[in-house]
Amino acid sequence: MTGIDSNSGKLVSINISEETGTRKWPVDSAVLVEDHGIEGDVHAGSPIKQVSLLDEAEIEAMEDRAGVELFPGDFAENLTTRGIDHDQVDRGDRFSIGEDVELEVSQIGKSCHADCVVKAKTGECIMPKKGLFLKVLSGGEISPGDTITFTTRED
């Protein structure tokens, strides 16, 4: 199986915001609602982009290229992970987090908006190529440190 080392990774940070176009701030835990998103996050309710995900390795690579310090949520990602090779993930693949939550990749990448704070800080934004967007198939509570299990749509 491709996508995650040994088919699993870790949830590093959960990030939410109440306004669009701003960085997201880490929280200690979150509740994901089926076919809705993360409770309290501005993007919840979107039909396709209910939850966004970015791996910590991508953030670190951007830090190296740009020479600036970045933090979870700076790219407005809801879930910051460790161990996910975004280049191996495809639409329809699924992630399980903890015991209850199941997510399906609905979109890879997105257009960067004109007033992107990360692009202004670093000169580029990685969300158009490295950001994963997911639909919540099964909800529940998640916390940093939870295991993420990856399955391809072919499994």
C-alpha atoms as a PDB file:
ATOM      1  CA  MET A   1       0.000   0.000   0.000  1.00  0.00           C
ATOM      2  CA  THR A   2       1.247   3.467  -0.799  1.00  0.00           C
ATOM      3  CA  GLY A   3       0.689   6.845   0.780  1.00  0.00           C
ATOM      4  CA  ILE A   4       1.740   6.427   4.394  1.00  0.00           C
ATOM      5  CA  ASP A   5       4.715   4.708   5.980  1.00  0.00           C
ATOM      6  CA  SER A   6       3.464   1.300   7.176  1.00  0.00           C
ATOM      7  CA  ASN A   7      -0.108   2.371   6.251  1.00  0.00           C
ATOM      8  CA  SER A   8      -0.334   4.776   9.156  1.00  0.00           C
ATOM      9  CA  GLY A   9       0.746   8.194  10.337  1.00  0.00           C
ATOM     10  CA  LYS A  10       0.078  10.521  13.247  1.00  0.00           C
ATOM     11  CA  LEU A  11      -2.144  13.525  13.753  1.00  0.00           C
ATOM     12  CA  VAL A  12       0.205  16.330  14.842  1.00  0.00           C
ATOM     13  CA  SER A  13      -2.205  19.255  15.159  1.00  0.00           C
ATOM     14  CA  ILE A  14      -5.896  20.121  14.723  1.00  0.00           C
ATOM     15  CA  ASN A  15      -6.433  23.704  13.540  1.00  0.00           C
ATOM     16  CA  ILE A  16      -9.590  25.789  13.212  1.00  0.00           C
ATOM     17  CA  SER A  17     -10.623  29.354  12.413  1.00  0.00           C
ATOM     18  CA  GLU A  18     -13.826  31.332  12.432  1.00  0.00           C
ATOM     19  CA  GLU A  19     -12.961  33.446   9.357  1.00  0.00           C
ATOM     20  CA  THR A  20     -11.882  32.580   5.824  1.00  0.00           C
ATOM     21  CA  GLY A  21      -8.533  33.782   4.511  1.00  0.00           C
ATOM     22  CA  THR A  22      -6.760  33.575   7.876  1.00  0.00           C
ATOM     23  CA  ARG A  23      -4.407  31.079   9.452  1.00  0.00           C
ATOM     24  CA  LYS A  24      -5.983  28.461  11.680  1.00  0.00           C
ATOM     25  CA  TRP A  25      -5.142  28.025  15.377  1.00  0.00           C
ATOM     26  CA  PRO A  26      -4.388  24.712  17.117  1.00  0.00           C
ATOM     27  CA  VAL A  27      -6.968  23.193  19.458  1.00  0.00           C
ATOM     28  CA  ASP A  28      -6.647  20.314  21.941  1.00  0.00           C
ATOM     29  CA  SER A  29      -9.355  18.195  20.309  1.00  0.00           C
ATOM     30  CA  ALA A  30     -12.153  18.476  17.771  1.00  0.00           C
ATOM     31  CA  VAL A  31     -15.412  16.838  16.838  1.00  0.00           C
ATOM     32  CA  LEU A  32     -15.898  15.918  13.194  1.00  0.00           C
ATOM     33  CA  VAL A  33     -19.504  15.751  12.030  1.00  0.00           C
ATOM     34  CA  GLU A  34     -20.547  13.399   9.235  1.00  0.00           C
ATOM     35  CA  ASP A  35     -20.945  15.165   5.867  1.00  0.00           C
ATOM     36  CA  HIS A  36     -20.210  18.523   7.527  1.00  0.00           C
ATOM     37  CA  GLY A  37     -16.642  18.974   8.839  1.00  0.00           C
ATOM     38  CA  ILE A  38     -15.049  20.146  12.075  1.00  0.00           C
ATOM     39  CA  GLU A  39     -17.358  21.775  14.604  1.00  0.00           C
ATOM     40  CA  GLY A  40     -16.449  25.448  14.994  1.00  0.00           C
ATOM     41  CA  ASP A  41     -14.444  25.748  11.770  1.00  0.00           C
ATOM     42  CA  VAL A  42     -15.465  28.226   9.086  1.00  0.00           C
ATOM     43  CA  HIS A  43     -15.125  25.642   6.288  1.00  0.00           C
ATOM     44  CA  ALA A  44     -17.490  23.114   7.847  1.00  0.00           C
ATOM     45  CA  GLY A  45     -20.525  22.549   5.655  1.00  0.00           C
ATOM     46  CA  SER A  46     -18.716  22.697   2.326  1.00  0.00           C
ATOM     47  CA  PRO A  47     -19.922  19.943   0.010  1.00  0.00           C
ATOM     48  CA  ILE A  48     -16.383  18.959  -1.093  1.00  0.00           C
ATOM     49  CA  LYS A  49     -13.769  20.685   1.102  1.00  0.00           C
ATOM     50  CA  GLN A  50     -15.093  19.885   4.586  1.00  0.00           C
ATOM     51  CA  VAL A  51     -11.650  19.213   6.103  1.00  0.00           C
ATOM     52  CA  SER A  52      -8.175  20.131   4.817  1.00  0.00           C
ATOM     53  CA  LEU A  53      -5.007  18.180   5.506  1.00  0.00           C
ATOM     54  CA  LEU A  54      -1.300  18.929   5.073  1.00  0.00           C
ATOM     55  CA  ASP A  55       1.682  16.866   6.156  1.00  0.00           C
ATOM     56  CA  GLU A  56       4.317  18.359   8.452  1.00  0.00           C
ATOM     57  CA  ALA A  57       7.088  17.277   6.029  1.00  0.00           C
ATOM     58  CA  GLU A  58       5.630  19.620   3.397  1.00  0.00           C
ATOM     59  CA  ILE A  59       5.623  22.496   5.889  1.00  0.00           C
ATOM     60  CA  GLU A  60       9.245  21.768   6.842  1.00  0.00           C
ATOM     61  CA  ALA A  61      10.292  21.660   3.169  1.00  0.00           C
ATOM     62  CA  MET A  62       8.664  25.067   2.675  1.00  0.00           C
ATOM     63  CA  GLU A  63      10.528  26.419   5.714  1.00  0.00           C
ATOM     64  CA  ASP A  64      13.800  25.254   4.156  1.00  0.00           C
ATOM     65  CA  ARG A  65      13.003  26.841   0.765  1.00  0.00           C
ATOM     66  CA  ALA A  66      11.705  30.129   2.155  1.00  0.00           C
ATOM     67  CA  GLY A  67      13.981  30.488   5.179  1.00  0.00           C
ATOM     68  CA  VAL A  68      11.067  31.337   7.493  1.00  0.00           C
ATOM     69  CA  GLU A  69       9.554  29.575  10.479  1.00  0.00           C
ATOM     70  CA  LEU A  70       6.090  28.123   9.887  1.00  0.00           C
ATOM     71  CA  PHE A  71       3.621  26.490  12.266  1.00  0.00           C
ATOM     72  CA  PRO A  72       0.648  24.106  12.049  1.00  0.00           C
ATOM     73  CA  GLY A  73      -2.348  26.048  10.750  1.00  0.00           C
ATOM     74  CA  ASP A  74      -0.272  28.624   8.848  1.00  0.00           C
ATOM     75  CA  PHE A  75      -1.526  27.141   5.555  1.00  0.00           C
ATOM     76  CA  ALA A  76      -5.090  27.162   6.937  1.00  0.00           C
ATOM     77  CA  GLU A  77      -5.025  23.368   7.066  1.00  0.00           C
ATOM     78  CA  ASN A  78      -7.367  21.724   9.567  1.00  0.00           C
ATOM     79  CA  LEU A  79      -5.229  18.649  10.122  1.00  0.00           C
ATOM     80  CA  THR A  80      -1.441  18.695  10.265  1.00  0.00           C
ATOM     81  CA  THR A  81      -0.091  15.165  10.010  1.00  0.00           C
ATOM     82  CA  ARG A  82       3.188  13.265  10.063  1.00  0.00           C
ATOM     83  CA  GLY A  83       3.885  10.351   7.723  1.00  0.00           C
ATOM     84  CA  ILE A  84       1.621  11.010   4.742  1.00  0.00           C
ATOM     85  CA  ASP A  85       3.234  11.069   1.301  1.00  0.00           C
ATOM     86  CA  HIS A  86       0.820  13.385  -0.517  1.00  0.00           C
ATOM     87  CA  ASP A  87       2.275  12.382  -3.867  1.00  0.00           C
ATOM     88  CA  GLN A  88       0.837   8.881  -3.383  1.00  0.00           C
ATOM     89  CA  VAL A  89      -2.691   9.943  -2.379  1.00  0.00           C
ATOM     90  CA  ASP A  90      -5.523  10.044  -4.904  1.00  0.00           C
ATOM     91  CA  ARG A  91      -9.175  11.110  -4.914  1.00  0.00           C
ATOM     92  CA  GLY A  92     -11.346   8.445  -3.331  1.00  0.00           C
ATOM     93  CA  ASP A  93      -8.620   7.239  -0.949  1.00  0.00           C
ATOM     94  CA  ARG A  94      -9.586   7.145   2.713  1.00  0.00           C
ATOM     95  CA  PHE A  95      -8.140   8.054   6.093  1.00  0.00           C
ATOM     96  CA  SER A  96      -9.307   6.694   9.449  1.00  0.00           C
ATOM     97  CA  ILE A  97      -8.424   8.698  12.552  1.00  0.00           C
ATOM     98  CA  GLY A  98      -8.755   7.177  15.982  1.00  0.00           C
ATOM     99  CA  GLU A  99     -11.561   4.672  16.401  1.00  0.00           C
ATOM    100  CA  ASP A 100     -14.503   6.440  14.755  1.00  0.00           C
ATOM    101  CA  VAL A 101     -13.539   9.030  12.150  1.00  0.00           C
ATOM    102  CA  GLU A 102     -13.372   8.145   8.463  1.00  0.00           C
ATOM    103  CA  LEU A 103     -12.525  10.692   5.766  1.00  0.00           C
ATOM    104  CA  GLU A 104     -12.459  10.429   1.973  1.00  0.00           C
ATOM    105  CA  VAL A 105     -10.182  12.485  -0.276  1.00  0.00           C
ATOM    106  CA  SER A 106     -12.520  14.626  -2.382  1.00  0.00           C
ATOM    107  CA  GLN A 107     -10.021  17.069  -3.906  1.00  0.00           C
ATOM    108  CA  ILE A 108      -6.267  17.483  -4.202  1.00  0.00           C
ATOM    109  CA  GLY A 109      -5.019  21.048  -4.245  1.00  0.00           C
ATOM    110  CA  LYS A 110      -6.929  24.282  -4.629  1.00  0.00           C
ATOM    111  CA  SER A 111      -6.478  27.715  -6.111  1.00  0.00           C
ATOM    112  CA  CYS A 112      -4.496  30.080  -3.921  1.00  0.00           C
ATOM    113  CA  HIS A 113      -6.465  33.250  -3.200  1.00  0.00           C
ATOM    114  CA  ALA A 114      -4.974  36.665  -3.987  1.00  0.00           C
ATOM    115  CA  ASP A 115      -4.491  37.716  -0.362  1.00  0.00           C
ATOM    116  CA  CYS A 116      -2.868  34.466   0.831  1.00  0.00           C
ATOM    117  CA  VAL A 117      -0.906  35.326   3.974  1.00  0.00           C
ATOM    118  CA  VAL A 118       1.482  32.392   3.519  1.00  0.00           C
ATOM    119  CA  LYS A 119       2.291  33.331  -0.063  1.00  0.00           C
ATOM    120  CA  ALA A 120       3.005  36.883   1.103  1.00  0.00           C
ATOM    121  CA  LYS A 121       5.336  35.520   3.805  1.00  0.00           C
ATOM    122  CA  THR A 122       7.134  32.808   1.790  1.00  0.00           C
ATOM    123  CA  GLY A 123       6.698  33.691  -1.880  1.00  0.00           C
ATOM    124  CA  GLU A 124       4.675  30.562  -2.619  1.00  0.00           C
ATOM    125  CA  CYS A 125       1.808  28.521  -1.218  1.00  0.00           C
ATOM    126  CA  ILE A 126       1.901  24.722  -1.222  1.00  0.00           C
ATOM    127  CA  MET A 127      -1.834  24.149  -0.782  1.00  0.00           C
ATOM    128  CA  PRO A 128      -2.507  24.265  -4.563  1.00  0.00           C
ATOM    129  CA  LYS A 129      -0.386  21.134  -5.035  1.00  0.00           C
ATOM    130  CA  LYS A 130       0.018  19.498  -1.614  1.00  0.00           C
ATOM    131  CA  GLY A 131      -3.232  20.267   0.197  1.00  0.00           C
ATOM    132  CA  LEU A 132      -5.709  17.436   0.570  1.00  0.00           C
ATOM    133  CA  PHE A 133      -9.406  18.116   0.995  1.00  0.00           C
ATOM    134  CA  LEU A 134     -11.697  15.551   2.524  1.00  0.00           C
ATOM    135  CA  LYS A 135     -15.316  14.729   3.169  1.00  0.00           C
ATOM    136  CA  VAL A 136     -16.331  13.339   6.555  1.00  0.00           C
ATOM    137  CA  LEU A 137     -17.851   9.881   6.044  1.00  0.00           C
ATOM    138  CA  SER A 138     -18.037   9.030   9.742  1.00  0.00           C
ATOM    139  CA  GLY A 139     -17.694  11.556  12.562  1.00  0.00           C
ATOM    140  CA  GLY A 140     -16.258  11.475  16.053  1.00  0.00           C
ATOM    141  CA  GLU A 141     -13.740  13.146  18.342  1.00  0.00           C
ATOM    142  CA  ILE A 142     -10.050  13.381  17.458  1.00  0.00           C
ATOM    143  CA  SER A 143      -6.945  14.630  19.279  1.00  0.00           C
ATOM    144  CA  PRO A 144      -3.311  15.265  18.361  1.00  0.00           C
ATOM    145  CA  GLY A 145      -1.369  12.018  18.677  1.00  0.00           C
ATOM    146  CA  ASP A 146      -4.181   9.913  17.194  1.00  0.00           C
ATOM    147  CA  THR A 147      -3.114   7.342  14.627  1.00  0.00           C
ATOM    148  CA  ILE A 148      -4.157   7.904  11.023  1.00  0.00           C
ATOM    149  CA  THR A 149      -4.637   4.823   8.861  1.00  0.00           C
ATOM    150  CA  PHE A 150      -4.591   5.121   5.080  1.00  0.00           C
ATOM    151  CA  THR A 151      -6.370   2.927   2.539  1.00  0.00           C
ATOM    152  CA  THR A 152      -6.472   3.365  -1.200  1.00  0.00           C
ATOM    153  CA  ARG A 153      -9.749   3.141  -3.040  1.00  0.00           C
ATOM    154  CA  GLU A 154      -8.465  -0.081  -4.623  1.00  0.00           C
ATOM    155  CA  ASP A 155      -8.186  -1.852  -1.237  1.00  0.00           C
END
